[in-house]
């Protein structure tokens, strides 16, 4: 079926086809399951009450509500008719801390994440997100983290999944025909299949063997990934050197028929205060980490500052390479200034890279500067602009806007960090479907969502059972792909050989001379 769809796509890209997971019908009240918290299984350190310190809390249902302090668990079972995604929510009150109170959700013995219950002095609904439940009986538990919250009811219902029907309209109205053709294809695939991808190592890694990961995949599965990840890091005004990235991108797209995506780990001098514009700097004296430089990112968007002039030099070097690609009819899924928010926060406190260290407002200005310079000053129109997001409460503030973003990405690293299932040293094949749909909601379903980096690739079973519509996956290089601690070879082989995954040999001909383009 996949081969038939892909071949048909090559002939029908002039037609905008909208495929997507069908939206689950809206279920009338009552929902599938609701339980009064006082009827759940409660540990002895929890109390069923009707008031707190003599103050009534009117509006609850049932005979009372559960007062969770700094310990304890609330556990209940729910029977569902089929394996799939379900929404879990609660009616709660949390009047202790405006900063929120941490709790944990566990499904069938596996912790699914931490949840910061917002401050609320009235009974309010809190959505724990979508979670996969198995046909039959499932056990759900809420455990106190910081505790100090009141719980009235818990509800489980069918997940109302958003339809994945994105229009193939690029933000750049002057996009090259090849770029529009690629966008058309991506929107056809979205929600029906997942495109395989793999990041290559940059610079001189792997002793110069840039094919190591790709041949490893081929030896394992007999297939090559359809998307290849590149990085423009070494084209810079400090120590810039030709590592062959641009030539490999041309070869991958024009000779091997693949799709190119690229990040930009652009560096700044560690000692920016003494740096002179245009001065050569050894790579050891350059960094992209904010705690290793005195580069003032807030000045990077202020014309006339040295930081601004330096950023303009970096854009010039980047534009030279993108122009070569455009002249060779190579479109790029371009992911600049990635992973901005890092560990979360509005003001750059969680930033992993210099471009986010001054906070969300400066970051969106920096994105606007880059977008405007590349499209208007340098007349580059071969880019599908990809923004790397998170799902923190502060994440919407970092979004550059629908008019400058074509695709939303998320980087899945949950094998060592951000892991809640209690396991270690083994792959985490979770499809993180709840995160996927939160990112769909970020743009109101207007943009496709991709797994732009990852360690463990989600399993075929998790992707399909959960209707997790990621556009593509793209493991980081080295051990993130090839170590058994990150990927089970059998799981990866099954995925690559399935009808659900699109590999290099299954891509249509994306050369413009074979198509009439329509957006």
Protein backbone atom coordinates (compact mmCIF):
# COMPACT_ATOMS: atom_id res chain seq x y z
CA UNK A 1 0.00 0.00 0.00
CA UNK A 2 2.80 2.40 0.83
CA UNK A 3 4.52 1.89 -2.51
CA UNK A 4 1.24 2.47 -4.34
CA UNK A 5 0.55 5.69 -2.43
CA UNK A 6 4.08 6.95 -2.96
CA UNK A 7 4.08 6.24 -6.69
CA UNK A 8 0.68 7.83 -7.02
CA UNK A 9 1.99 10.85 -5.16
CA UNK A 10 4.67 11.32 -7.80
CA UNK A 11 1.97 11.66 -10.43
CA UNK A 12 -0.53 13.66 -8.44
CA UNK A 13 1.44 16.35 -6.66
CA UNK A 14 -0.44 18.94 -8.67
CA UNK A 15 -3.49 17.97 -6.64
CA UNK A 16 -3.60 18.98 -3.00
CA UNK A 17 -4.70 15.81 -1.22
CA UNK A 18 -5.59 16.07 2.40
CA UNK A 19 -5.15 12.83 4.30
CA UNK A 20 -5.22 12.61 8.08
CA UNK A 21 -6.26 10.61 11.04
CA UNK A 22 -10.02 10.89 11.26
CA UNK A 23 -11.11 12.97 14.20
CA UNK A 24 -12.71 10.79 16.85
CA UNK A 25 -16.42 11.59 17.00
CA UNK A 26 -17.41 13.86 19.84
CA UNK A 27 -18.90 11.77 22.65
CA UNK A 28 -21.97 13.14 24.33
CA UNK A 29 -22.11 13.54 28.09
CA UNK A 30 -21.52 11.62 30.21
CA UNK A 31 -17.92 10.78 29.27
CA UNK A 32 -16.66 7.22 29.07
CA UNK A 33 -15.71 7.11 32.76
CA UNK A 34 -15.87 9.41 35.78
CA UNK A 35 -15.04 8.56 39.36
CA UNK A 36 -15.44 10.58 42.53
CA UNK A 37 -12.02 10.89 44.11
CA UNK A 38 -13.34 9.69 47.47
CA UNK A 39 -14.33 6.41 45.80
CA UNK A 40 -10.82 5.74 44.49
CA UNK A 41 -8.19 3.74 46.35
CA UNK A 42 -6.50 6.20 48.71
CA UNK A 43 -3.36 5.83 50.77
CA UNK A 44 -3.72 6.46 54.49
CA UNK A 45 -2.07 9.89 54.33
CA UNK A 46 -4.94 11.31 52.26
CA UNK A 47 -8.14 12.73 53.70
CA UNK A 48 -11.69 12.94 52.36
CA UNK A 49 -13.02 16.33 53.49
CA UNK A 50 -15.58 19.02 52.69
CA UNK A 51 -13.60 21.98 54.03
CA UNK A 52 -9.99 23.06 54.62
CA UNK A 53 -9.10 24.51 58.03
CA UNK A 54 -12.76 25.27 58.63
CA UNK A 55 -13.24 26.98 55.26
CA UNK A 56 -15.86 25.31 53.00
CA UNK A 57 -14.93 24.67 49.36
CA UNK A 58 -18.35 24.63 47.68
CA UNK A 59 -18.90 23.30 44.19
CA UNK A 60 -17.54 19.77 44.55
CA UNK A 61 -19.63 16.76 43.59
CA UNK A 62 -20.22 13.62 45.64
CA UNK A 63 -19.78 13.40 49.38
CA UNK A 64 -16.49 15.31 49.54
CA UNK A 65 -13.10 15.73 47.94
CA UNK A 66 -9.62 14.34 48.54
CA UNK A 67 -7.07 16.57 50.24
CA UNK A 68 -3.59 15.58 49.08
CA UNK A 69 -0.79 17.13 51.08
CA UNK A 70 2.90 16.36 50.47
CA UNK A 71 2.54 12.59 50.03
CA UNK A 72 0.07 9.92 48.99
CA UNK A 73 -1.51 8.35 45.92
CA UNK A 74 -4.98 8.21 44.38
CA UNK A 75 -5.52 5.03 42.34
CA UNK A 76 -8.45 3.81 40.24
CA UNK A 77 -9.18 1.31 37.47
CA UNK A 78 -10.93 2.06 34.20
CA UNK A 79 -12.11 -0.40 31.55
CA UNK A 80 -11.90 0.76 27.93
CA UNK A 81 -13.40 -0.94 24.86
CA UNK A 82 -10.29 -0.87 22.65
CA UNK A 83 -6.59 -0.07 22.69
CA UNK A 84 -6.00 3.53 21.75
CA UNK A 85 -5.56 7.08 22.97
CA UNK A 86 -7.67 8.42 25.81
CA UNK A 87 -7.91 11.79 27.54
CA UNK A 88 -7.41 11.84 31.32
CA UNK A 89 -8.49 14.87 33.34
CA UNK A 90 -9.43 15.94 36.85
CA UNK A 91 -11.52 18.53 38.67
CA UNK A 92 -9.17 20.09 41.20
CA UNK A 93 -8.35 23.12 43.31
CA UNK A 94 -4.83 24.34 44.17
CA UNK A 95 -4.75 27.49 46.27
CA UNK A 96 -1.33 27.22 47.87
CA UNK A 97 1.15 28.34 45.22
CA UNK A 98 0.86 30.68 42.21
CA UNK A 99 3.86 28.82 40.78
CA UNK A 100 1.94 25.54 40.62
CA UNK A 101 2.23 22.26 42.52
CA UNK A 102 3.94 19.21 41.08
CA UNK A 103 2.12 15.87 40.78
CA UNK A 104 2.86 12.66 38.85
CA UNK A 105 0.60 10.58 36.62
CA UNK A 106 1.12 6.83 36.29
CA UNK A 107 -0.68 4.58 33.79
CA UNK A 108 -0.46 0.81 34.23
CA UNK A 109 2.57 1.11 36.46
CA UNK A 110 4.50 3.45 34.16
CA UNK A 111 4.99 7.08 35.15
CA UNK A 112 3.86 9.23 32.22
CA UNK A 113 5.27 12.52 33.36
CA UNK A 114 5.12 15.31 35.88
CA UNK A 115 2.30 17.83 35.95
CA UNK A 116 2.34 21.27 37.53
CA UNK A 117 -1.22 21.96 38.67
CA UNK A 118 -1.90 25.67 38.14
CA UNK A 119 -3.02 27.95 40.93
CA UNK A 120 -6.81 27.97 41.25
CA UNK A 121 -9.08 29.05 44.10
CA UNK A 122 -12.14 27.56 42.39
CA UNK A 123 -12.84 24.06 41.13
CA UNK A 124 -11.19 23.83 37.71
CA UNK A 125 -10.45 21.24 35.06
CA UNK A 126 -6.89 20.03 34.49
CA UNK A 127 -6.06 17.96 31.41
CA UNK A 128 -3.32 15.35 31.86
CA UNK A 129 -3.20 14.89 28.08
CA UNK A 130 -3.70 11.89 25.83
CA UNK A 131 -2.42 8.48 26.93
CA UNK A 132 -2.56 5.02 25.43
CA UNK A 133 -4.80 2.60 27.32
CA UNK A 134 -5.10 -1.09 26.56
CA UNK A 135 -8.36 -2.86 25.81
CA UNK A 136 -9.78 -4.01 29.13
CA UNK A 137 -8.78 -2.88 32.61
CA UNK A 138 -6.21 -0.12 33.11
CA UNK A 139 -4.85 1.29 36.36
CA UNK A 140 -4.36 5.05 36.71
CA UNK A 141 -2.63 6.72 39.63
CA UNK A 142 -1.91 10.29 40.70
CA UNK A 143 0.99 10.66 43.12
CA UNK A 144 1.92 13.69 45.17
CA UNK A 145 5.08 15.46 44.12
CA UNK A 146 4.88 18.74 45.95
CA UNK A 147 1.26 17.85 46.68
CA UNK A 148 -1.07 20.27 48.46
CA UNK A 149 -4.01 20.07 46.07
CA UNK A 150 -7.66 19.04 46.33
CA UNK A 151 -9.20 16.52 43.92
CA UNK A 152 -12.93 16.19 43.26
CA UNK A 153 -13.30 13.84 40.26
CA UNK A 154 -11.25 12.06 37.60
CA UNK A 155 -12.49 11.53 34.04
CA UNK A 156 -11.34 9.27 31.21
CA UNK A 157 -12.76 9.72 27.71
CA UNK A 158 -11.93 8.98 24.10
CA UNK A 159 -9.20 11.31 22.82
CA UNK A 160 -10.56 13.89 20.41
CA UNK A 161 -7.60 13.85 18.01
CA UNK A 162 -7.14 16.80 15.69
CA UNK A 163 -7.39 16.10 11.96
CA UNK A 164 -4.02 16.40 10.23
CA UNK A 165 -5.08 18.31 7.13
CA UNK A 166 -2.39 20.94 6.64
CA UNK A 167 -2.43 23.05 3.49
CA UNK A 168 0.81 23.01 1.43
CA UNK A 169 1.21 26.79 1.62
CA UNK A 170 4.71 28.07 2.31
CA UNK A 171 5.37 31.30 4.19
CA UNK A 172 7.58 32.50 1.34
CA UNK A 173 5.33 33.37 -1.62
CA UNK A 174 8.41 33.30 -3.88
CA UNK A 175 9.39 29.75 -2.94
CA UNK A 176 11.22 27.91 -5.72
CA UNK A 177 9.26 25.29 -7.66
CA UNK A 178 11.34 22.50 -6.09
CA UNK A 179 10.59 23.79 -2.60
CA UNK A 180 6.87 23.96 -3.32
CA UNK A 181 6.95 20.48 -4.82
CA UNK A 182 8.58 19.12 -1.67
CA UNK A 183 6.02 20.89 0.52
CA UNK A 184 3.21 19.37 -1.54
CA UNK A 185 4.63 15.90 -1.00
CA UNK A 186 5.14 16.38 2.73
CA UNK A 187 1.52 17.40 3.22
CA UNK A 188 0.36 14.33 1.27
CA UNK A 189 2.34 12.01 3.50
CA UNK A 190 1.49 13.74 6.79
CA UNK A 191 -0.82 11.64 8.95
CA UNK A 192 -0.60 8.60 6.67
CA UNK A 193 3.06 7.60 6.95
CA UNK A 194 6.23 8.64 8.70
CA UNK A 195 9.32 9.52 6.65
CA UNK A 196 12.58 7.98 7.80
CA UNK A 197 15.51 10.28 8.48
CA UNK A 198 19.05 10.22 9.83
CA UNK A 199 21.48 12.93 10.92
CA UNK A 200 25.01 12.72 9.56
CA UNK A 201 28.01 13.61 11.70
CA UNK A 202 29.51 16.99 10.86
CA UNK A 203 33.10 18.08 10.52
CA UNK A 204 35.67 15.30 10.67
CA UNK A 205 33.75 12.93 12.93
CA UNK A 206 33.78 9.16 12.40
CA UNK A 207 37.29 9.67 11.00
CA UNK A 208 35.71 11.44 8.06
CA UNK A 209 33.21 8.64 7.34
CA UNK A 210 29.96 10.55 6.85
CA UNK A 211 28.23 7.40 5.57
CA UNK A 212 28.70 5.30 8.72
CA UNK A 213 25.17 5.65 10.11
CA UNK A 214 23.55 5.30 6.70
CA UNK A 215 25.38 2.09 5.84
CA UNK A 216 24.60 0.75 9.32
CA UNK A 217 20.89 1.27 8.64
CA UNK A 218 21.20 -0.32 5.20
CA UNK A 219 23.08 -3.33 6.55
CA UNK A 220 20.38 -3.77 9.17
CA UNK A 221 17.26 -3.26 7.08
CA UNK A 222 18.20 -3.22 3.40
CA UNK A 223 16.91 0.36 3.29
CA UNK A 224 18.31 3.88 3.40
CA UNK A 225 16.55 6.77 5.18
CA UNK A 226 14.66 9.19 2.94
CA UNK A 227 15.78 12.32 4.79
CA UNK A 228 19.39 13.16 5.56
CA UNK A 229 20.24 15.67 8.26
CA UNK A 230 23.09 18.13 7.72
CA UNK A 231 24.61 21.01 9.69
CA UNK A 232 26.01 24.35 8.47
CA UNK A 233 28.06 24.76 11.65
CA UNK A 234 31.46 24.94 9.98
CA UNK A 235 30.53 27.73 7.55
CA UNK A 236 31.21 30.63 9.89
CA UNK A 237 33.29 33.83 10.14
CA UNK A 238 35.55 32.52 12.92
CA UNK A 239 37.33 29.35 11.80
CA UNK A 240 35.15 28.50 8.81
CA UNK A 241 36.34 25.54 6.81
CA UNK A 242 34.96 23.55 3.92
CA UNK A 243 33.79 20.22 5.31
CA UNK A 244 31.87 19.27 2.17
CA UNK A 245 28.40 19.72 3.64
CA UNK A 246 26.96 21.67 0.72
CA UNK A 247 28.34 19.24 -1.86
CA UNK A 248 26.91 16.28 0.07
CA UNK A 249 23.52 17.98 0.19
CA UNK A 250 23.54 18.43 -3.58
CA UNK A 251 24.56 14.81 -4.07
CA UNK A 252 21.91 13.51 -1.67
CA UNK A 253 19.08 15.39 -3.34
CA UNK A 254 20.09 15.47 -7.01
CA UNK A 255 21.90 12.16 -7.39
CA UNK A 256 20.35 9.92 -4.76
CA UNK A 257 16.84 11.36 -4.83
CA UNK A 258 16.62 12.14 -1.12
CA UNK A 259 15.34 14.99 1.02
CA UNK A 260 17.72 17.34 2.87
CA UNK A 261 17.23 18.95 6.26
CA UNK A 262 19.80 21.14 7.98
CA UNK A 263 20.50 22.66 11.38
CA UNK A 264 22.87 25.54 12.11
CA UNK A 265 25.03 25.20 15.23
CA UNK A 266 26.49 28.64 14.65
CA UNK A 267 29.22 29.64 17.11
CA UNK A 268 30.27 32.91 18.73
CA UNK A 269 33.70 33.81 20.17
CA UNK A 270 34.16 32.88 23.80
CA UNK A 271 35.84 36.24 24.45
CA UNK A 272 33.54 38.41 22.40
CA UNK A 273 34.50 41.57 24.28
CA UNK A 274 38.04 41.44 22.86
CA UNK A 275 37.08 39.96 19.49
CA UNK A 276 37.50 42.12 16.39
CA UNK A 277 34.98 41.64 13.57
CA UNK A 278 36.52 39.56 10.80
CA UNK A 279 39.24 38.18 13.07
CA UNK A 280 40.01 34.46 12.71
CA UNK A 281 39.40 32.49 15.90
CA UNK A 282 40.46 28.92 16.61
CA UNK A 283 37.50 26.56 16.95
CA UNK A 284 38.49 25.86 20.56
CA UNK A 285 37.88 29.54 21.31
CA UNK A 286 34.37 29.44 19.84
CA UNK A 287 31.18 28.09 21.39
CA UNK A 288 27.42 27.96 21.09
CA UNK A 289 26.88 27.56 24.85
CA UNK A 290 25.72 30.73 26.64
CA UNK A 291 27.70 30.02 29.80
CA UNK A 292 30.96 29.85 27.82
CA UNK A 293 30.83 33.29 26.20
CA UNK A 294 30.35 36.96 27.08
CA UNK A 295 28.44 37.52 23.83
CA UNK A 296 25.39 39.67 24.68
CA UNK A 297 22.49 38.14 22.76
CA UNK A 298 20.19 41.05 23.56
CA UNK A 299 22.45 43.25 21.41
CA UNK A 300 22.29 40.82 18.49
CA UNK A 301 19.07 42.42 17.25
CA UNK A 302 20.19 46.02 17.82
CA UNK A 303 21.68 47.63 14.68
CA UNK A 304 25.02 49.30 15.27
CA UNK A 305 26.21 46.93 17.99
CA UNK A 306 29.14 44.58 17.49
CA UNK A 307 26.89 41.62 18.25
CA UNK A 308 24.50 42.67 15.48
CA UNK A 309 27.33 43.06 13.00
CA UNK A 310 28.66 39.64 13.95
CA UNK A 311 25.26 38.04 13.38
CA UNK A 312 25.12 39.68 9.96
CA UNK A 313 28.49 38.09 9.13
CA UNK A 314 27.18 34.67 10.12
CA UNK A 315 24.12 35.15 7.94
CA UNK A 316 26.32 36.17 5.01
CA UNK A 317 28.39 32.98 5.29
CA UNK A 318 25.24 30.89 5.57
CA UNK A 319 23.62 32.62 2.61
CA UNK A 320 26.59 31.78 0.38
CA UNK A 321 25.97 28.08 0.92
CA UNK A 322 22.21 28.33 0.59
CA UNK A 323 22.66 30.20 -2.70
CA UNK A 324 24.76 27.33 -4.05
CA UNK A 325 21.99 24.94 -3.08
CA UNK A 326 19.32 27.14 -4.64
CA UNK A 327 21.32 27.38 -7.87
CA UNK A 328 21.40 23.57 -7.91
CA UNK A 329 17.64 23.28 -7.34
CA UNK A 330 18.03 21.83 -3.83
CA UNK A 331 15.25 22.65 -1.35
CA UNK A 332 16.11 22.45 2.35
CA UNK A 333 14.02 21.74 5.43
CA UNK A 334 15.89 24.44 7.35
CA UNK A 335 15.96 24.36 11.17
CA UNK A 336 17.94 27.37 12.46
CA UNK A 337 18.34 28.52 16.05
CA UNK A 338 17.01 25.18 17.24
CA UNK A 339 16.07 23.94 20.74
CA UNK A 340 15.80 27.54 21.89
CA UNK A 341 13.81 27.21 25.08
CA UNK A 342 15.94 24.35 26.39
CA UNK A 343 14.84 23.59 29.93
CA UNK A 344 12.01 26.11 29.80
CA UNK A 345 11.28 29.65 30.91
CA UNK A 346 10.57 33.00 29.30
CA UNK A 347 13.80 34.84 29.97
CA UNK A 348 16.46 32.44 28.73
CA UNK A 349 17.09 30.81 32.08
CA UNK A 350 16.76 27.35 30.50
CA UNK A 351 18.67 28.14 27.30
CA UNK A 352 21.20 25.64 25.96
CA UNK A 353 22.42 27.93 23.15
CA UNK A 354 23.48 31.57 22.93
CA UNK A 355 20.65 32.48 20.56
CA UNK A 356 18.09 31.91 23.34
CA UNK A 357 19.95 33.31 26.32
CA UNK A 358 18.20 36.71 26.23
CA UNK A 359 14.70 35.23 26.33
CA UNK A 360 11.70 34.70 24.10
CA UNK A 361 11.22 38.27 22.88
CA UNK A 362 14.80 38.66 21.65
CA UNK A 363 14.69 35.16 20.16
CA UNK A 364 11.67 35.94 18.00
CA UNK A 365 13.36 39.16 16.86
CA UNK A 366 16.49 37.19 15.97
CA UNK A 367 14.39 34.71 13.98
CA UNK A 368 12.71 37.60 12.17
CA UNK A 369 16.10 39.11 11.35
CA UNK A 370 17.35 35.83 9.88
CA UNK A 371 14.14 35.19 7.94
CA UNK A 372 14.08 38.69 6.49
CA UNK A 373 17.76 38.75 5.58
CA UNK A 374 17.74 35.39 3.83
CA UNK A 375 14.49 35.87 1.92
CA UNK A 376 14.72 39.58 1.09
CA UNK A 377 18.35 40.66 1.19
CA UNK A 378 19.85 37.44 -0.18
CA UNK A 379 16.84 36.42 -2.31
CA UNK A 380 16.82 32.84 -1.03
CA UNK A 381 13.59 30.96 -1.56
CA UNK A 382 14.54 27.28 -1.26
CA UNK A 383 13.80 26.94 2.45
CA UNK A 384 11.06 25.20 4.41
CA UNK A 385 11.40 27.08 7.70
CA UNK A 386 11.29 24.73 10.68
CA UNK A 387 10.85 25.93 14.25
CA UNK A 388 12.02 23.66 17.09
CA UNK A 389 9.43 23.85 19.89
CA UNK A 390 8.70 22.47 23.34
CA UNK A 391 5.49 21.94 25.29
CA UNK A 392 6.18 24.01 28.40
CA UNK A 393 3.55 26.50 29.51
CA UNK A 394 5.94 29.22 28.28
CA UNK A 395 6.56 27.64 24.86
CA UNK A 396 3.98 29.66 22.87
CA UNK A 397 5.92 32.85 23.67
CA UNK A 398 8.93 31.54 21.73
CA UNK A 399 6.98 30.76 18.55
CA UNK A 400 8.09 33.14 15.75
CA UNK A 401 4.64 33.21 14.14
CA UNK A 402 2.68 31.48 11.41
CA UNK A 403 4.00 33.93 8.82
CA UNK A 404 7.62 32.80 9.34
CA UNK A 405 7.26 29.10 10.20
CA UNK A 406 6.39 26.30 7.78
CA UNK A 407 6.97 23.29 10.00
CA UNK A 408 7.15 22.66 13.76
CA UNK A 409 9.73 20.26 15.15
CA UNK A 410 10.33 18.53 18.46
CA UNK A 411 13.53 16.81 19.60
CA UNK A 412 12.82 13.57 21.46
CA UNK A 413 15.55 12.71 23.94
CA UNK A 414 13.91 10.58 26.62
CA UNK A 415 16.09 7.49 26.89
CA UNK A 416 18.41 8.89 29.57
CA UNK A 417 16.80 12.23 30.47
CA UNK A 418 13.11 13.12 30.74
CA UNK A 419 12.32 9.46 31.30
CA UNK A 420 9.47 8.45 33.59
CA UNK A 421 9.01 4.69 33.11
CA UNK A 422 11.57 3.74 35.75
CA UNK A 423 13.84 1.98 33.27
CA UNK A 424 17.43 2.77 32.31
CA UNK A 425 20.01 1.44 29.90
CA UNK A 426 17.37 0.36 27.38
CA UNK A 427 15.57 2.12 24.51
CA UNK A 428 12.47 4.21 25.15
CA UNK A 429 10.16 3.44 22.22
CA UNK A 430 7.39 5.75 23.41
CA UNK A 431 5.77 7.65 20.53
CA UNK A 432 5.17 10.66 22.84
CA UNK A 433 1.80 11.12 21.15
CA UNK A 434 0.49 13.51 23.78
CA UNK A 435 3.40 15.85 22.99
CA UNK A 436 2.69 15.51 19.27
CA UNK A 437 -0.89 16.72 19.65
CA UNK A 438 0.13 19.54 21.99
CA UNK A 439 2.42 20.76 19.20
CA UNK A 440 -0.40 20.41 16.68
CA UNK A 441 -2.45 22.65 18.96
CA UNK A 442 0.40 25.20 19.17
CA UNK A 443 -0.51 26.41 15.68
CA UNK A 444 -4.14 25.40 15.67
CA UNK A 445 -3.30 22.54 13.33
CA UNK A 446 -1.96 24.90 10.66
CA UNK A 447 1.58 23.46 10.59
CA UNK A 448 2.92 19.93 10.25
CA UNK A 449 4.82 18.49 13.22
CA UNK A 450 8.01 16.44 12.87
CA UNK A 451 10.39 14.62 15.20
CA UNK A 452 13.37 16.66 14.06
CA UNK A 453 15.89 14.91 16.33
CA UNK A 454 15.68 11.85 18.54
CA UNK A 455 17.54 9.09 20.28
CA UNK A 456 15.21 6.06 20.33
CA UNK A 457 12.96 5.85 17.29
CA UNK A 458 9.39 5.04 18.42
CA UNK A 459 8.20 1.52 17.71
CA UNK A 460 5.88 0.76 14.81
CA UNK A 461 3.25 -0.51 17.23
CA UNK A 462 3.27 2.65 19.33
CA UNK A 463 3.20 4.95 16.30
CA UNK A 464 0.24 3.20 14.68
CA UNK A 465 -1.83 2.26 17.73
CA UNK A 466 -1.59 5.77 19.09
CA UNK A 467 -2.22 7.46 15.73
CA UNK A 468 0.93 9.47 16.34
CA UNK A 469 1.22 11.53 13.18
CA UNK A 470 4.87 12.65 13.24
CA UNK A 471 5.91 13.73 9.74
CA UNK A 472 9.39 12.24 10.07
CA UNK A 473 11.96 11.00 12.56
CA UNK A 474 15.69 11.78 12.46
CA UNK A 475 18.01 10.16 15.04
CA UNK A 476 21.18 11.98 16.01
CA UNK A 477 24.39 10.36 14.82
CA UNK A 478 26.66 7.85 16.56
CA UNK A 479 25.48 6.01 19.63
CA UNK A 480 22.09 7.70 19.53
CA UNK A 481 21.35 5.48 16.55
CA UNK A 482 23.70 2.51 16.80
CA UNK A 483 23.92 1.73 20.52
CA UNK A 484 21.54 -0.95 21.78
CA UNK A 485 20.94 1.29 24.79
CA UNK A 486 19.16 3.71 22.45
CA UNK A 487 17.72 1.58 19.64
CA UNK A 488 16.75 -2.08 19.50
CA UNK A 489 17.99 -3.30 16.09
CA UNK A 490 15.00 -5.61 15.65
CA UNK A 491 12.53 -2.82 16.40
CA UNK A 492 14.31 -0.50 13.98
CA UNK A 493 14.44 -3.17 11.27
CA UNK A 494 10.73 -3.87 11.65
CA UNK A 495 9.98 -0.17 11.36
CA UNK A 496 12.15 0.39 8.29
CA UNK A 497 10.66 -2.61 6.49
CA UNK A 498 7.05 -1.73 7.30
CA UNK A 499 4.48 -0.19 5.00
CA UNK A 500 4.11 2.71 7.41
CA UNK A 501 7.65 4.07 6.98
CA UNK A 502 8.85 5.78 3.80
CA UNK A 503 12.46 5.06 2.87
CA UNK A 504 14.76 6.51 0.22
CA UNK A 505 13.77 4.02 -2.48
CA UNK A 506 10.08 4.85 -1.96
CA UNK A 507 10.28 8.60 -2.49
CA UNK A 508 8.70 9.90 -5.68
CA UNK A 509 10.75 11.87 -8.18
CA UNK A 510 10.72 15.35 -6.66
CA UNK A 511 12.35 17.04 -9.64
CA UNK A 512 10.30 19.89 -10.96
CA UNK A 513 10.64 19.02 -14.65
CA UNK A 514 8.40 15.99 -14.08
CA UNK A 515 5.56 17.90 -12.47
CA UNK A 516 3.22 20.80 -12.84
CA UNK A 517 3.41 22.65 -9.54
CA UNK A 518 0.37 23.87 -7.64
CA UNK A 519 0.20 25.25 -4.12
